[in-house]
Amino acid sequence: MKKMTLMEHFSELRRRILFSVVFFLVAFCAGWFVAPYILEFLTAPLLNVWGNGRLLYTGLTDGLMIQLSLALLVALLLTVPVALWQIWAFISPGLHQNERRFIVPIFVLSPLLFLTGAAFAFYVLFPTVFGFFIELNESSPVPALVMPAVRDYIGFSIGLLKVFGLAFQLPLVLVLLNRVGILSRERVVKMRRYAIVIIVIAAAILTPPDIVSQILLALPMWGLFELSILFMKK
């Protein structure tokens, strides 16, 4: 393999960064056009359990800001894998074979675990939690008009998707710490009871203040914790 000079490395790095930036701009333009469909997709779990419910636009610029934020979200989701691939292509020639075998599963499993967590939140948590909130609000003992603001709902739902996506990274983090020699399998087993308490506390902090969503986050995290132990080396 031909050795590159320092300036050639900088030139290649600049080219890869420029490619990622251009891709982000193109993805943002594409996201602008698909933003209405994403909005319809994100609001479906709420409207499916709400019958004739409606969401509220509280300001003239709400529609614009929502479309901009969703376009930005699309651009980030599409650009992150491309940027990670550019980073990998830049650093991989300088890595040993065993280092490549160690890093490649991280690049593959991390996005998959994130998407799995987000999908779990969207298809399992959202219908349950939203149905609970709507029923609770509509059964209020005082006259009430239930009409959540669109911007609040979008921020709330995307925040939950991020929380579950990041929470599902737990087994990857534990196995990674085990493989590099920082965390032994025996130590994790001994700390199981403390880990369960931490998981419950984290679920209570990261989710809305209702027991249903807290349980729906704590149980998968506990299962993923137990699963990660199986993949740890003794």
C-alpha atoms as a PDB file:
ATOM      1  CA  MET A   1       0.000   0.000   0.000  1.00  0.00           C
ATOM      2  CA  LYS A   2       1.354   3.397  -0.969  1.00  0.00           C
ATOM      3  CA  LYS A   3       2.191   5.643   1.974  1.00  0.00           C
ATOM      4  CA  MET A   4       0.577   9.061   1.862  1.00  0.00           C
ATOM      5  CA  THR A   5       2.196  12.311   2.916  1.00  0.00           C
ATOM      6  CA  LEU A   6       0.694  14.527   5.607  1.00  0.00           C
ATOM      7  CA  MET A   7      -0.689  16.947   3.015  1.00  0.00           C
ATOM      8  CA  GLU A   8      -2.257  14.072   1.100  1.00  0.00           C
ATOM      9  CA  HIS A   9      -3.968  12.932   4.306  1.00  0.00           C
ATOM     10  CA  PHE A  10      -5.326  16.440   4.882  1.00  0.00           C
ATOM     11  CA  SER A  11      -6.477  16.614   1.277  1.00  0.00           C
ATOM     12  CA  GLU A  12      -8.318  13.301   1.582  1.00  0.00           C
ATOM     13  CA  LEU A  13      -9.883  14.358   4.900  1.00  0.00           C
ATOM     14  CA  ARG A  14     -11.073  17.639   3.391  1.00  0.00           C
ATOM     15  CA  ARG A  15     -12.562  15.784   0.434  1.00  0.00           C
ATOM     16  CA  ARG A  16     -14.480  13.398   2.691  1.00  0.00           C
ATOM     17  CA  ILE A  17     -15.755  16.227   4.909  1.00  0.00           C
ATOM     18  CA  LEU A  18     -16.865  18.189   1.846  1.00  0.00           C
ATOM     19  CA  PHE A  19     -18.677  15.123   0.506  1.00  0.00           C
ATOM     20  CA  SER A  20     -20.517  14.703   3.836  1.00  0.00           C
ATOM     21  CA  VAL A  21     -21.515  18.380   3.894  1.00  0.00           C
ATOM     22  CA  VAL A  22     -22.824  18.266   0.315  1.00  0.00           C
ATOM     23  CA  PHE A  23     -24.715  15.056   1.085  1.00  0.00           C
ATOM     24  CA  PHE A  24     -26.255  16.731   4.153  1.00  0.00           C
ATOM     25  CA  LEU A  25     -27.489  19.661   2.049  1.00  0.00           C
ATOM     26  CA  VAL A  26     -28.985  17.331  -0.559  1.00  0.00           C
ATOM     27  CA  ALA A  27     -30.618  15.235   2.187  1.00  0.00           C
ATOM     28  CA  PHE A  28     -32.022  18.403   3.764  1.00  0.00           C
ATOM     29  CA  CYS A  29     -33.637  19.403   0.453  1.00  0.00           C
ATOM     30  CA  ALA A  30     -35.105  15.919   0.119  1.00  0.00           C
ATOM     31  CA  GLY A  31     -36.280  16.078   3.736  1.00  0.00           C
ATOM     32  CA  TRP A  32     -38.123  19.317   3.038  1.00  0.00           C
ATOM     33  CA  PHE A  33     -40.332  17.562   0.498  1.00  0.00           C
ATOM     34  CA  VAL A  34     -40.968  14.439   2.578  1.00  0.00           C
ATOM     35  CA  ALA A  35     -41.532  16.354   5.851  1.00  0.00           C
ATOM     36  CA  PRO A  36     -45.368  16.380   5.469  1.00  0.00           C
ATOM     37  CA  TYR A  37     -45.373  12.593   5.125  1.00  0.00           C
ATOM     38  CA  ILE A  38     -43.124  12.249   8.179  1.00  0.00           C
ATOM     39  CA  LEU A  39     -45.459  14.506  10.149  1.00  0.00           C
ATOM     40  CA  GLU A  40     -48.390  12.309   9.159  1.00  0.00           C
ATOM     41  CA  PHE A  41     -46.393   9.216  10.144  1.00  0.00           C
ATOM     42  CA  LEU A  42     -45.375  10.613  13.546  1.00  0.00           C
ATOM     43  CA  THR A  43     -48.888  11.734  14.459  1.00  0.00           C
ATOM     44  CA  ALA A  44     -50.503   8.431  13.430  1.00  0.00           C
ATOM     45  CA  PRO A  45     -50.038   6.681  16.832  1.00  0.00           C
ATOM     46  CA  LEU A  46     -51.840   9.552  18.570  1.00  0.00           C
ATOM     47  CA  LEU A  47     -54.653  10.013  16.061  1.00  0.00           C
ATOM     48  CA  ASN A  48     -55.265   6.257  15.824  1.00  0.00           C
ATOM     49  CA  VAL A  49     -56.222   6.115  19.502  1.00  0.00           C
ATOM     50  CA  TRP A  50     -57.994   9.473  19.555  1.00  0.00           C
ATOM     51  CA  GLY A  51     -60.824   9.148  17.079  1.00  0.00           C
ATOM     52  CA  ASN A  52     -61.698  12.643  15.843  1.00  0.00           C
ATOM     53  CA  GLY A  53     -58.879  14.359  17.720  1.00  0.00           C
ATOM     54  CA  ARG A  54     -57.103  17.424  16.378  1.00  0.00           C
ATOM     55  CA  LEU A  55     -53.738  19.017  16.989  1.00  0.00           C
ATOM     56  CA  LEU A  56     -53.225  22.727  17.482  1.00  0.00           C
ATOM     57  CA  TYR A  57     -50.971  25.169  15.640  1.00  0.00           C
ATOM     58  CA  THR A  58     -50.320  27.937  18.165  1.00  0.00           C
ATOM     59  CA  GLY A  59     -48.519  30.384  15.866  1.00  0.00           C
ATOM     60  CA  LEU A  60     -48.302  31.459  12.240  1.00  0.00           C
ATOM     61  CA  THR A  61     -44.766  30.090  11.903  1.00  0.00           C
ATOM     62  CA  ASP A  62     -45.492  26.676  13.440  1.00  0.00           C
ATOM     63  CA  GLY A  63     -45.937  24.976  10.075  1.00  0.00           C
ATOM     64  CA  LEU A  64     -42.643  26.392   8.780  1.00  0.00           C
ATOM     65  CA  MET A  65     -40.668  25.542  11.910  1.00  0.00           C
ATOM     66  CA  ILE A  66     -42.051  22.005  12.021  1.00  0.00           C
ATOM     67  CA  GLN A  67     -41.183  21.408   8.386  1.00  0.00           C
ATOM     68  CA  LEU A  68     -37.669  22.795   8.924  1.00  0.00           C
ATOM     69  CA  SER A  69     -37.099  20.638  12.003  1.00  0.00           C
ATOM     70  CA  LEU A  70     -38.338  17.486  10.256  1.00  0.00           C
ATOM     71  CA  ALA A  71     -36.190  18.229   7.204  1.00  0.00           C
ATOM     72  CA  LEU A  72     -33.208  18.644   9.510  1.00  0.00           C
ATOM     73  CA  LEU A  73     -34.054  15.360  11.216  1.00  0.00           C
ATOM     74  CA  VAL A  74     -34.170  13.561   7.863  1.00  0.00           C
ATOM     75  CA  ALA A  75     -30.859  15.124   6.834  1.00  0.00           C
ATOM     76  CA  LEU A  76     -29.184  14.003  10.063  1.00  0.00           C
ATOM     77  CA  LEU A  77     -30.554  10.465   9.875  1.00  0.00           C
ATOM     78  CA  LEU A  78     -29.349  10.069   6.302  1.00  0.00           C
ATOM     79  CA  THR A  79     -26.013  11.816   6.775  1.00  0.00           C
ATOM     80  CA  VAL A  80     -24.834  10.058   9.933  1.00  0.00           C
ATOM     81  CA  PRO A  81     -24.327   6.650   8.212  1.00  0.00           C
ATOM     82  CA  VAL A  82     -22.596   8.354   5.283  1.00  0.00           C
ATOM     83  CA  ALA A  83     -20.344  10.346   7.611  1.00  0.00           C
ATOM     84  CA  LEU A  84     -19.497   7.216   9.604  1.00  0.00           C
ATOM     85  CA  TRP A  85     -18.617   5.423   6.386  1.00  0.00           C
ATOM     86  CA  GLN A  86     -16.350   8.321   5.375  1.00  0.00           C
ATOM     87  CA  ILE A  87     -14.630   8.157   8.768  1.00  0.00           C
ATOM     88  CA  TRP A  88     -14.205   4.408   8.418  1.00  0.00           C
ATOM     89  CA  ALA A  89     -12.790   4.720   4.907  1.00  0.00           C
ATOM     90  CA  PHE A  90     -10.317   7.329   6.158  1.00  0.00           C
ATOM     91  CA  ILE A  91      -9.006   5.445   9.213  1.00  0.00           C
ATOM     92  CA  SER A  92      -9.327   1.808   8.096  1.00  0.00           C
ATOM     93  CA  PRO A  93      -6.120   1.715   5.991  1.00  0.00           C
ATOM     94  CA  GLY A  94      -4.134   2.467   9.155  1.00  0.00           C
ATOM     95  CA  LEU A  95      -5.757  -0.247  11.268  1.00  0.00           C
ATOM     96  CA  HIS A  96      -4.635  -3.813  11.842  1.00  0.00           C
ATOM     97  CA  GLN A  97      -6.857  -6.707  10.814  1.00  0.00           C
ATOM     98  CA  ASN A  98      -7.891  -7.518  14.390  1.00  0.00           C
ATOM     99  CA  GLU A  99      -8.759  -3.854  14.986  1.00  0.00           C
ATOM    100  CA  ARG A 100     -10.964  -3.855  11.893  1.00  0.00           C
ATOM    101  CA  ARG A 101     -12.783  -6.968  13.108  1.00  0.00           C
ATOM    102  CA  PHE A 102     -13.400  -5.178  16.398  1.00  0.00           C
ATOM    103  CA  ILE A 103     -14.723  -1.898  14.962  1.00  0.00           C
ATOM    104  CA  VAL A 104     -16.861  -3.145  12.055  1.00  0.00           C
ATOM    105  CA  PRO A 105     -19.536  -4.781  14.299  1.00  0.00           C
ATOM    106  CA  ILE A 106     -19.866  -1.491  16.183  1.00  0.00           C
ATOM    107  CA  PHE A 107     -20.611   0.428  12.984  1.00  0.00           C
ATOM    108  CA  VAL A 108     -23.187  -2.198  12.002  1.00  0.00           C
ATOM    109  CA  LEU A 109     -24.861  -2.984  15.327  1.00  0.00           C
ATOM    110  CA  SER A 110     -25.137   0.533  16.751  1.00  0.00           C
ATOM    111  CA  PRO A 111     -27.539   1.865  14.058  1.00  0.00           C
ATOM    112  CA  LEU A 112     -29.510  -1.386  14.131  1.00  0.00           C
ATOM    113  CA  LEU A 113     -29.946  -1.224  17.899  1.00  0.00           C
ATOM    114  CA  PHE A 114     -30.943   2.442  17.688  1.00  0.00           C
ATOM    115  CA  LEU A 115     -33.586   1.706  15.053  1.00  0.00           C
ATOM    116  CA  THR A 116     -34.839  -1.272  17.074  1.00  0.00           C
ATOM    117  CA  GLY A 117     -35.273   0.902  20.152  1.00  0.00           C
ATOM    118  CA  ALA A 118     -37.027   3.650  18.177  1.00  0.00           C
ATOM    119  CA  ALA A 119     -39.328   1.092  16.531  1.00  0.00           C
ATOM    120  CA  PHE A 120     -40.187  -0.406  19.908  1.00  0.00           C
ATOM    121  CA  ALA A 121     -41.112   3.041  21.218  1.00  0.00           C
ATOM    122  CA  PHE A 122     -43.177   3.905  18.144  1.00  0.00           C
ATOM    123  CA  TYR A 123     -45.143   0.685  17.761  1.00  0.00           C
ATOM    124  CA  VAL A 124     -45.432  -0.468  21.396  1.00  0.00           C
ATOM    125  CA  LEU A 125     -45.004   2.509  23.723  1.00  0.00           C
ATOM    126  CA  PHE A 126     -46.747   5.264  21.749  1.00  0.00           C
ATOM    127  CA  PRO A 127     -50.184   3.637  21.328  1.00  0.00           C
ATOM    128  CA  THR A 128     -50.277   2.600  24.984  1.00  0.00           C
ATOM    129  CA  VAL A 129     -49.068   5.869  26.483  1.00  0.00           C
ATOM    130  CA  PHE A 130     -51.037   8.157  24.164  1.00  0.00           C
ATOM    131  CA  GLY A 131     -54.222   6.200  24.739  1.00  0.00           C
ATOM    132  CA  PHE A 132     -53.672   6.488  28.493  1.00  0.00           C
ATOM    133  CA  PHE A 133     -53.115  10.256  28.324  1.00  0.00           C
ATOM    134  CA  ILE A 134     -56.118  10.897  26.078  1.00  0.00           C
ATOM    135  CA  GLU A 135     -58.431   8.825  28.248  1.00  0.00           C
ATOM    136  CA  LEU A 136     -57.145  10.534  31.384  1.00  0.00           C
ATOM    137  CA  ASN A 137     -57.599  14.039  29.959  1.00  0.00           C
ATOM    138  CA  GLU A 138     -61.033  13.399  28.482  1.00  0.00           C
ATOM    139  CA  SER A 139     -62.272  11.905  31.754  1.00  0.00           C
ATOM    140  CA  SER A 140     -61.345  15.052  33.653  1.00  0.00           C
ATOM    141  CA  PRO A 141     -63.993  16.066  36.241  1.00  0.00           C
ATOM    142  CA  VAL A 142     -63.907  19.638  34.899  1.00  0.00           C
ATOM    143  CA  PRO A 143     -64.880  20.707  31.337  1.00  0.00           C
ATOM    144  CA  ALA A 144     -61.744  20.378  29.205  1.00  0.00           C
ATOM    145  CA  LEU A 145     -60.836  20.726  25.545  1.00  0.00           C
ATOM    146  CA  VAL A 146     -58.031  18.351  24.639  1.00  0.00           C
ATOM    147  CA  MET A 147     -55.985  19.847  21.795  1.00  0.00           C
ATOM    148  CA  PRO A 148     -52.205  19.346  22.096  1.00  0.00           C
ATOM    149  CA  ALA A 149     -49.883  21.728  20.249  1.00  0.00           C
ATOM    150  CA  VAL A 150     -48.235  20.150  17.204  1.00  0.00           C
ATOM    151  CA  ARG A 151     -44.771  21.463  18.061  1.00  0.00           C
ATOM    152  CA  ASP A 152     -45.009  20.090  21.601  1.00  0.00           C
ATOM    153  CA  TYR A 153     -46.161  16.708  20.338  1.00  0.00           C
ATOM    154  CA  ILE A 154     -43.413  16.443  17.713  1.00  0.00           C
ATOM    155  CA  GLY A 155     -40.737  17.399  20.231  1.00  0.00           C
ATOM    156  CA  PHE A 156     -42.151  14.947  22.768  1.00  0.00           C
ATOM    157  CA  SER A 157     -42.399  12.017  20.355  1.00  0.00           C
ATOM    158  CA  ILE A 158     -38.968  12.551  18.757  1.00  0.00           C
ATOM    159  CA  GLY A 159     -37.455  12.900  22.225  1.00  0.00           C
ATOM    160  CA  LEU A 160     -38.895   9.523  23.231  1.00  0.00           C
ATOM    161  CA  LEU A 161     -37.631   7.902  20.032  1.00  0.00           C
ATOM    162  CA  LYS A 162     -34.132   9.182  20.817  1.00  0.00           C
ATOM    163  CA  VAL A 163     -34.322   7.968  24.410  1.00  0.00           C
ATOM    164  CA  PHE A 164     -35.304   4.431  23.397  1.00  0.00           C
ATOM    165  CA  GLY A 165     -32.768   4.369  20.559  1.00  0.00           C
ATOM    166  CA  LEU A 166     -29.966   5.327  22.935  1.00  0.00           C
ATOM    167  CA  ALA A 167     -31.208   2.993  25.678  1.00  0.00           C
ATOM    168  CA  PHE A 168     -30.989   0.046  23.300  1.00  0.00           C
ATOM    169  CA  GLN A 169     -27.246   0.736  22.931  1.00  0.00           C
ATOM    170  CA  LEU A 170     -26.747  -0.745  26.409  1.00  0.00           C
ATOM    171  CA  PRO A 171     -25.677  -4.276  25.354  1.00  0.00           C
ATOM    172  CA  LEU A 172     -23.247  -2.898  22.787  1.00  0.00           C
ATOM    173  CA  VAL A 173     -21.617  -0.655  25.401  1.00  0.00           C
ATOM    174  CA  LEU A 174     -21.344  -3.445  27.975  1.00  0.00           C
ATOM    175  CA  VAL A 175     -19.940  -5.982  25.516  1.00  0.00           C
ATOM    176  CA  LEU A 176     -17.498  -3.381  24.182  1.00  0.00           C
ATOM    177  CA  LEU A 177     -16.220  -2.606  27.694  1.00  0.00           C
ATOM    178  CA  ASN A 178     -15.888  -6.329  28.312  1.00  0.00           C
ATOM    179  CA  ARG A 179     -13.939  -7.027  25.128  1.00  0.00           C
ATOM    180  CA  VAL A 180     -11.403  -4.258  25.812  1.00  0.00           C
ATOM    181  CA  GLY A 181     -10.821  -5.597  29.319  1.00  0.00           C
ATOM    182  CA  ILE A 182     -12.422  -2.793  31.327  1.00  0.00           C
ATOM    183  CA  LEU A 183     -15.455  -4.705  32.596  1.00  0.00           C
ATOM    184  CA  SER A 184     -15.393  -8.384  33.466  1.00  0.00           C
ATOM    185  CA  ARG A 185     -18.379 -10.677  33.108  1.00  0.00           C
ATOM    186  CA  GLU A 186     -18.145 -11.762  36.747  1.00  0.00           C
ATOM    187  CA  ARG A 187     -18.249  -8.158  37.927  1.00  0.00           C
ATOM    188  CA  VAL A 188     -21.341  -7.427  35.849  1.00  0.00           C
ATOM    189  CA  VAL A 189     -23.096 -10.486  37.280  1.00  0.00           C
ATOM    190  CA  LYS A 190     -22.265  -9.383  40.826  1.00  0.00           C
ATOM    191  CA  MET A 191     -23.567  -5.870  40.076  1.00  0.00           C
ATOM    192  CA  ARG A 192     -26.859  -7.145  38.606  1.00  0.00           C
ATOM    193  CA  ARG A 193     -29.062  -5.964  41.487  1.00  0.00           C
ATOM    194  CA  TYR A 194     -27.528  -2.489  41.410  1.00  0.00           C
ATOM    195  CA  ALA A 195     -27.847  -2.365  37.615  1.00  0.00           C
ATOM    196  CA  ILE A 196     -31.567  -3.140  37.857  1.00  0.00           C
ATOM    197  CA  VAL A 197     -32.049  -0.286  40.328  1.00  0.00           C
ATOM    198  CA  ILE A 198     -30.139   2.080  38.026  1.00  0.00           C
ATOM    199  CA  ILE A 199     -32.241   0.957  35.051  1.00  0.00           C
ATOM    200  CA  VAL A 200     -35.473   1.641  36.944  1.00  0.00           C
ATOM    201  CA  ILE A 201     -34.247   5.085  38.023  1.00  0.00           C
ATOM    202  CA  ALA A 202     -33.111   5.910  34.479  1.00  0.00           C
ATOM    203  CA  ALA A 203     -36.469   4.811  33.067  1.00  0.00           C
ATOM    204  CA  ALA A 204     -38.272   7.032  35.574  1.00  0.00           C
ATOM    205  CA  ILE A 205     -36.133  10.034  34.607  1.00  0.00           C
ATOM    206  CA  LEU A 206     -36.091   9.586  30.835  1.00  0.00           C
ATOM    207  CA  THR A 207     -39.774   8.813  30.246  1.00  0.00           C
ATOM    208  CA  PRO A 208     -43.006  10.748  30.931  1.00  0.00           C
ATOM    209  CA  PRO A 209     -44.267  10.635  34.553  1.00  0.00           C
ATOM    210  CA  ASP A 210     -46.502   7.616  34.130  1.00  0.00           C
ATOM    211  CA  ILE A 211     -45.828   4.082  35.271  1.00  0.00           C
ATOM    212  CA  VAL A 212     -46.704   2.495  31.906  1.00  0.00           C
ATOM    213  CA  SER A 213     -43.970   4.193  29.867  1.00  0.00           C
ATOM    214  CA  GLN A 214     -41.461   3.684  32.683  1.00  0.00           C
ATOM    215  CA  ILE A 215     -42.152  -0.052  32.737  1.00  0.00           C
ATOM    216  CA  LEU A 216     -42.028  -0.270  28.934  1.00  0.00           C
ATOM    217  CA  LEU A 217     -38.534   1.228  28.995  1.00  0.00           C
ATOM    218  CA  ALA A 218     -37.231  -0.546  32.097  1.00  0.00           C
ATOM    219  CA  LEU A 219     -38.225  -4.073  31.021  1.00  0.00           C
ATOM    220  CA  PRO A 220     -36.454  -4.007  27.606  1.00  0.00           C
ATOM    221  CA  MET A 221     -33.361  -2.438  29.182  1.00  0.00           C
ATOM    222  CA  TRP A 222     -33.304  -5.179  31.808  1.00  0.00           C
ATOM    223  CA  GLY A 223     -33.687  -7.814  29.086  1.00  0.00           C
ATOM    224  CA  LEU A 224     -30.894  -6.223  27.057  1.00  0.00           C
ATOM    225  CA  PHE A 225     -28.697  -6.138  30.159  1.00  0.00           C
ATOM    226  CA  GLU A 226     -29.214  -9.869  30.695  1.00  0.00           C
ATOM    227  CA  LEU A 227     -28.626 -10.520  27.002  1.00  0.00           C
ATOM    228  CA  SER A 228     -25.344  -8.599  27.039  1.00  0.00           C
ATOM    229  CA  ILE A 229     -24.050 -10.853  29.822  1.00  0.00           C
ATOM    230  CA  LEU A 230     -24.441 -13.858  27.518  1.00  0.00           C
ATOM    231  CA  PHE A 231     -22.121 -12.264  24.943  1.00  0.00           C
ATOM    232  CA  MET A 232     -19.426 -11.259  27.431  1.00  0.00           C
ATOM    233  CA  LYS A 233     -16.222 -13.234  27.635  1.00  0.00           C
ATOM    234  CA  LYS A 234     -15.423 -14.859  30.954  1.00  0.00           C
END
